[in-house]
Protein backbone atom coordinates (compact mmCIF):
# COMPACT_ATOMS: atom_id res chain seq x y z
CA MET A 1 0.00 0.00 0.00
CA ILE A 2 2.77 2.45 0.94
CA CYS A 3 4.70 1.62 -2.23
CA THR A 4 1.59 2.22 -4.36
CA ILE A 5 1.06 5.62 -2.72
CA ALA A 6 4.74 6.44 -3.34
CA GLU A 7 4.33 5.48 -7.02
CA ILE A 8 1.28 7.73 -7.37
CA ILE A 9 3.08 10.64 -5.68
CA ALA A 10 6.04 10.10 -8.04
CA VAL A 11 3.70 10.22 -11.06
CA LEU A 12 2.10 13.43 -9.78
CA ALA A 13 5.50 15.03 -9.18
CA GLU A 14 6.85 14.03 -12.59
CA SER A 15 3.71 15.25 -14.41
CA TYR A 16 3.73 18.56 -12.55
CA LEU A 17 7.42 19.17 -13.29
CA ALA A 18 6.98 18.33 -16.98
CA ALA A 19 4.02 20.72 -17.24
CA HIS A 20 5.85 23.40 -15.26
CA LEU A 21 8.90 23.13 -17.52
CA LEU A 22 6.97 23.66 -20.75
CA VAL A 23 4.66 26.42 -19.45
CA LYS A 24 7.48 28.41 -17.84
CA TYR A 25 9.88 27.87 -20.75
CA PHE A 26 7.56 29.03 -23.54
CA GLY A 27 4.82 30.97 -21.78
CA LEU A 28 1.14 30.95 -22.70
CA LYS A 29 -0.09 32.68 -25.85
CA GLU A 30 -2.92 34.20 -23.81
CA GLU A 31 -2.54 34.81 -20.06
CA ASN A 32 -6.25 34.58 -19.27
CA LEU A 33 -7.23 31.46 -17.30
CA TYR A 34 -3.52 30.78 -16.67
CA ARG A 35 -4.03 28.50 -13.67
CA LEU A 36 -6.86 26.58 -15.31
CA LYS A 37 -4.79 25.85 -18.41
CA GLN A 38 -1.77 24.80 -16.35
CA MET A 39 -3.85 22.51 -14.11
CA SER A 40 -5.63 21.01 -17.12
CA PHE A 41 -2.25 20.25 -18.70
CA PHE A 42 -1.07 18.69 -15.45
CA PHE A 43 -4.30 16.64 -15.18
CA PHE A 44 -4.08 15.13 -18.67
CA LEU A 45 -0.38 14.32 -18.21
CA THR A 46 -1.15 12.61 -14.89
CA VAL A 47 -3.99 10.57 -16.39
CA SER A 48 -1.77 9.42 -19.27
CA ASP A 49 1.03 8.48 -16.89
CA LEU A 50 -1.27 6.64 -14.48
CA LEU A 51 -2.91 4.71 -17.34
CA GLY A 52 0.45 3.56 -18.66
CA THR A 53 1.90 2.79 -15.22
CA PHE A 54 -0.96 1.07 -13.37
CA TRP A 55 -3.70 -0.05 -15.76
CA ILE A 56 -2.20 -0.76 -19.17
CA LYS A 57 1.27 -1.30 -17.62
CA ASN A 58 3.06 -0.48 -20.83
CA GLU A 59 6.03 1.91 -20.76
CA THR A 60 5.83 2.61 -24.50
CA PHE A 61 2.15 3.57 -24.29
CA MET A 62 2.86 5.83 -21.31
CA VAL A 63 5.68 7.70 -23.05
CA ILE A 64 3.80 8.11 -26.35
CA SER A 65 0.57 9.28 -24.66
CA CYS A 66 2.37 11.75 -22.37
CA LEU A 67 4.51 13.01 -25.25
CA ALA A 68 1.45 13.47 -27.46
CA THR A 69 -0.31 15.37 -24.66
CA GLU A 70 2.67 17.69 -24.25
CA ILE A 71 3.01 18.38 -27.97
CA VAL A 72 -0.71 19.04 -28.49
CA PHE A 73 -0.89 21.40 -25.52
CA ALA A 74 2.32 23.18 -26.54
CA VAL A 75 1.16 23.69 -30.13
CA ILE A 76 -2.25 25.03 -29.11
CA PHE A 77 -1.53 27.14 -26.04
CA LEU A 78 2.20 27.95 -25.82
CA ASN A 79 4.43 30.49 -27.54
CA GLY A 80 7.46 29.56 -29.69
CA ASN A 81 8.01 27.66 -32.91
CA TYR A 82 6.77 24.13 -33.40
CA PHE A 83 10.18 22.52 -33.71
CA GLU A 84 11.38 23.93 -30.38
CA LYS A 85 8.19 22.81 -28.62
CA ILE A 86 8.52 19.26 -29.94
CA PHE A 87 12.24 19.21 -29.17
CA LEU A 88 11.76 20.29 -25.54
CA SER A 89 8.89 17.81 -25.06
CA ILE A 90 11.11 14.96 -26.22
CA THR A 91 14.07 16.29 -24.26
CA SER A 92 12.07 16.31 -21.01
CA TYR A 93 11.47 12.55 -21.30
CA ILE A 94 15.03 11.88 -22.38
CA LEU A 95 16.05 13.76 -19.24
CA VAL A 96 13.81 11.53 -17.11
CA TYR A 97 15.46 8.37 -18.42
CA ALA A 98 18.92 9.93 -18.27
CA ILE A 99 18.30 10.40 -14.54
CA ASN A 100 16.46 7.13 -13.88
CA PHE A 101 18.96 4.69 -15.41
CA PRO A 102 22.11 5.89 -13.58
CA THR A 103 20.18 6.15 -10.32
CA LEU A 104 18.81 2.62 -10.69
CA ALA A 105 22.30 1.36 -11.56
CA LEU A 106 23.75 3.00 -8.44
CA ILE A 107 21.00 1.66 -6.17
CA SER A 108 21.33 -1.80 -7.69
CA VAL A 109 25.06 -1.83 -6.88
CA ILE A 110 24.42 -0.65 -3.31
CA SER A 111 21.56 -3.08 -2.65
CA ASN A 112 22.95 -6.02 -4.68
CA SER A 113 19.77 -6.14 -6.75
CA GLU A 114 19.05 -6.34 -10.45
CA ILE A 115 17.81 -3.21 -12.19
CA SER A 116 14.80 -5.13 -13.51
CA GLU A 117 13.88 -6.04 -9.94
CA LEU A 118 14.08 -2.45 -8.77
CA THR A 119 11.60 -1.28 -11.39
CA VAL A 120 8.89 -3.70 -10.19
CA SER A 121 9.76 -4.24 -6.53
CA GLN A 122 7.39 -3.13 -3.78
CA ASN A 123 9.78 -2.32 -0.95
CA ILE A 124 11.73 0.51 0.62
CA THR A 125 14.40 0.28 -2.09
CA ARG A 126 11.85 1.24 -4.73
CA ILE A 127 10.69 4.21 -2.64
CA VAL A 128 14.29 5.40 -2.28
CA CYS A 129 14.74 5.18 -6.07
CA LEU A 130 11.56 7.18 -6.68
CA PHE A 131 12.55 9.84 -4.19
CA ILE A 132 16.06 10.31 -5.58
CA THR A 133 15.01 10.32 -9.25
CA LYS A 134 12.22 12.87 -8.77
CA LEU A 135 14.47 15.07 -6.64
CA LEU A 136 17.12 15.02 -9.38
CA TYR A 137 14.47 15.71 -12.04
CA PHE A 138 13.25 18.71 -10.05
CA ALA A 139 16.82 20.04 -9.83
CA ALA A 140 17.33 19.53 -13.58
CA VAL A 141 14.10 21.39 -14.45
CA GLN A 142 15.08 24.32 -12.24
CA LEU A 143 18.55 24.47 -13.79
CA ILE A 144 17.08 24.49 -17.32
CA LEU A 145 14.71 27.33 -16.46
CA TRP A 146 17.48 29.23 -14.67
CA GLY A 147 19.88 28.75 -17.58
CA ARG A 148 17.33 30.08 -20.04
CA LYS A 149 16.31 32.93 -17.69
CA LYS A 150 12.68 31.83 -17.76
CA GLU A 151 11.96 32.27 -14.07
CA LYS A 152 10.82 35.62 -12.68
CA HIS A 153 13.03 35.33 -9.60
CA TYR A 154 16.68 34.37 -9.84
CA PHE A 155 19.24 33.17 -7.32
CA ASN A 156 22.72 34.59 -7.36
CA LEU A 157 25.83 32.40 -7.44
CA ASN A 158 26.21 32.17 -3.65
CA GLU A 159 22.56 31.20 -3.21
CA TRP A 160 22.90 28.51 -5.88
CA ILE A 161 26.00 27.12 -4.13
CA ILE A 162 24.09 26.92 -0.84
CA ILE A 163 21.01 25.35 -2.45
CA ILE A 164 23.02 22.73 -4.34
CA SER A 165 25.12 21.99 -1.23
CA VAL A 166 22.01 21.41 0.88
CA PHE A 167 20.52 19.26 -1.88
CA LEU A 168 23.64 17.08 -2.08
CA MET A 169 23.91 16.86 1.71
CA THR A 170 20.34 15.65 2.11
CA LEU A 171 20.81 13.19 -0.74
CA LEU A 172 23.95 11.76 0.84
CA ILE A 173 22.29 11.56 4.26
CA GLY A 174 19.40 9.65 2.72
CA LEU A 175 21.80 7.23 1.04
CA ALA A 176 23.68 6.84 4.33
CA MET A 177 20.48 5.92 6.18
CA TYR A 178 19.68 3.47 3.42
CA LEU A 179 23.12 1.86 3.74
CA ILE A 180 22.57 1.45 7.48
CA MET A 181 19.36 -0.44 6.76
CA LEU A 182 21.09 -2.72 4.26
CA ASN A 183 24.36 -3.44 6.01
CA GLU A 184 24.87 -3.28 9.77
CA LYS A 185 28.62 -4.01 9.51
CA ILE A 186 29.42 -0.54 8.18
CA SER A 187 26.91 1.24 10.40
CA ASP A 188 29.61 2.88 12.58
CA TYR A 189 31.30 4.52 9.61
CA VAL A 190 27.98 5.52 8.09
CA TYR A 191 26.81 7.00 11.40
CA LEU A 192 30.03 9.04 11.57
CA ALA A 193 29.60 10.22 7.97
CA SER A 194 25.96 11.10 8.65
CA THR A 195 26.93 13.10 11.73
CA ILE A 196 29.52 15.03 9.75
CA LEU A 197 27.03 15.68 6.95
CA LEU A 198 24.36 16.86 9.38
CA SER A 199 26.85 19.19 11.06
CA SER A 200 27.87 20.54 7.65
CA LEU A 201 24.21 21.00 6.81
CA ASP A 202 23.73 23.03 10.01
CA VAL A 203 26.67 25.24 9.04
CA ILE A 204 25.27 25.77 5.54
CA ILE A 205 21.82 26.64 6.93
CA PHE A 206 23.45 29.07 9.37
CA ILE A 207 25.32 30.77 6.51
CA PHE A 208 22.13 30.91 4.46
CA MET A 209 20.14 32.42 7.36
CA LYS A 210 22.91 34.96 7.96
CA LYS A 211 22.84 35.99 4.30
CA MET A 212 19.05 36.25 4.45
CA ASN A 213 19.33 38.45 7.55
CA ILE A 214 21.88 40.74 5.86
CA SER A 215 19.72 40.86 2.73
CA SER A 216 16.60 41.72 4.76
CA GLN A 217 18.50 44.51 6.54
CA LYS A 218 19.57 45.93 3.19
CA GLU A 219 16.00 45.72 1.96
CA ARG A 220 14.76 47.61 5.02
CA GLU A 221 17.43 50.27 4.52
CA LYS A 222 16.44 50.51 0.86
CA GLU A 223 12.78 50.92 1.80
CA LEU A 224 13.66 53.67 4.30
CA LEU A 225 15.72 55.48 1.66
CA GLN A 226 12.84 55.20 -0.79
CA ILE A 227 10.46 56.66 1.80
CA GLN A 228 12.88 59.54 2.50
CA LEU A 229 13.30 60.13 -1.23
CA ALA A 230 9.52 60.21 -1.71
CA GLN A 231 9.17 62.71 1.14
CA GLN A 232 11.91 64.93 -0.32
CA GLN A 233 10.27 64.79 -3.75
CA ASN A 234 6.95 65.76 -2.18
CA GLU A 235 8.59 68.68 -0.36
CA MET A 236 10.23 69.79 -3.62
CA ARG A 237 6.86 69.70 -5.40
CA GLN A 238 5.33 71.79 -2.62
CA LEU A 239 8.18 74.32 -2.80
CA GLU A 240 7.80 74.53 -6.57
CA HIS A 241 4.06 75.09 -6.17
CA GLN A 242 4.70 77.87 -3.64
CA TYR A 243 7.29 79.45 -5.93
CA GLN A 244 4.82 79.46 -8.81
CA GLU A 245 2.20 81.10 -6.57
CA ILE A 246 4.74 83.77 -5.51
CA CYS A 247 5.59 84.42 -9.17
CA VAL A 248 1.91 84.90 -9.96
CA LEU A 249 1.52 87.29 -7.01
CA ARG A 250 4.62 89.25 -8.08
CA HIS A 251 3.27 89.52 -11.62
CA ASP A 252 -0.13 90.69 -10.38
CA PHE A 253 1.49 93.15 -7.96
CA LYS A 254 3.68 94.58 -10.74
CA ASN A 255 0.64 95.02 -12.98
CA SER A 256 -1.19 96.78 -10.17
CA ILE A 257 1.74 99.14 -9.57
CA ASP A 258 1.97 99.93 -13.30
CA CYS A 259 -1.75 100.63 -13.44
CA ILE A 260 -1.57 102.96 -10.41
CA ALA A 261 1.47 104.75 -11.91
CA ARG A 262 -0.36 105.38 -15.18
CA MET A 263 -3.41 106.64 -13.30
CA ILE A 264 -1.23 109.09 -11.28
């Protein structure tokens, strides 16, 4: 039961990331009903994946149906030329398999299992494989969007170093815990390595929080400067308005004096 739930969650995560990649990369032709279109795309991808994974149980059918769904949606709703849309749709699934096969090979070496067994097994090893592959796929999608400058918010180099470091630390800690479950003979060394990794993770989080604190202070200072600038601009506008009123009064006063002088 737990393995089935993990499989469904993995399908949902993969479908969402594939939809997110295409929508963010190309952008919608029309922004109205943005969320509805994105969720509809995600829904049809999920249905295609679930049909191929659980009911029909045919990998070829799953890939073709999901790929067809992506291409049809991209052609109808997304910006860009047709060739690039088709190319990215195919590339997203090539990326999935490029991540899955090396991960399965690594887990098979660690657990002394065949790759064919890992793809159909219903145990903790399968859950670990799903978790690692989807985490790596998420990282790959984010890197593609970052490289193409398709996200609205960007991380600087230091933030990327911290994020990737935390990602690798958590991945290694997960593998260490998995090794402890498989082999008790090396548990002492793995415990030591896990302790070091957790300590390193604490240091990285501390550095990240410190940078966030410094950044928030700079933002507050920037906001205060903007408020002061707005006040100064308002005062300048008021002074200019008063100056214009004085000029009008001077002009009227001069006209009055000229009129009186002519009358005298």
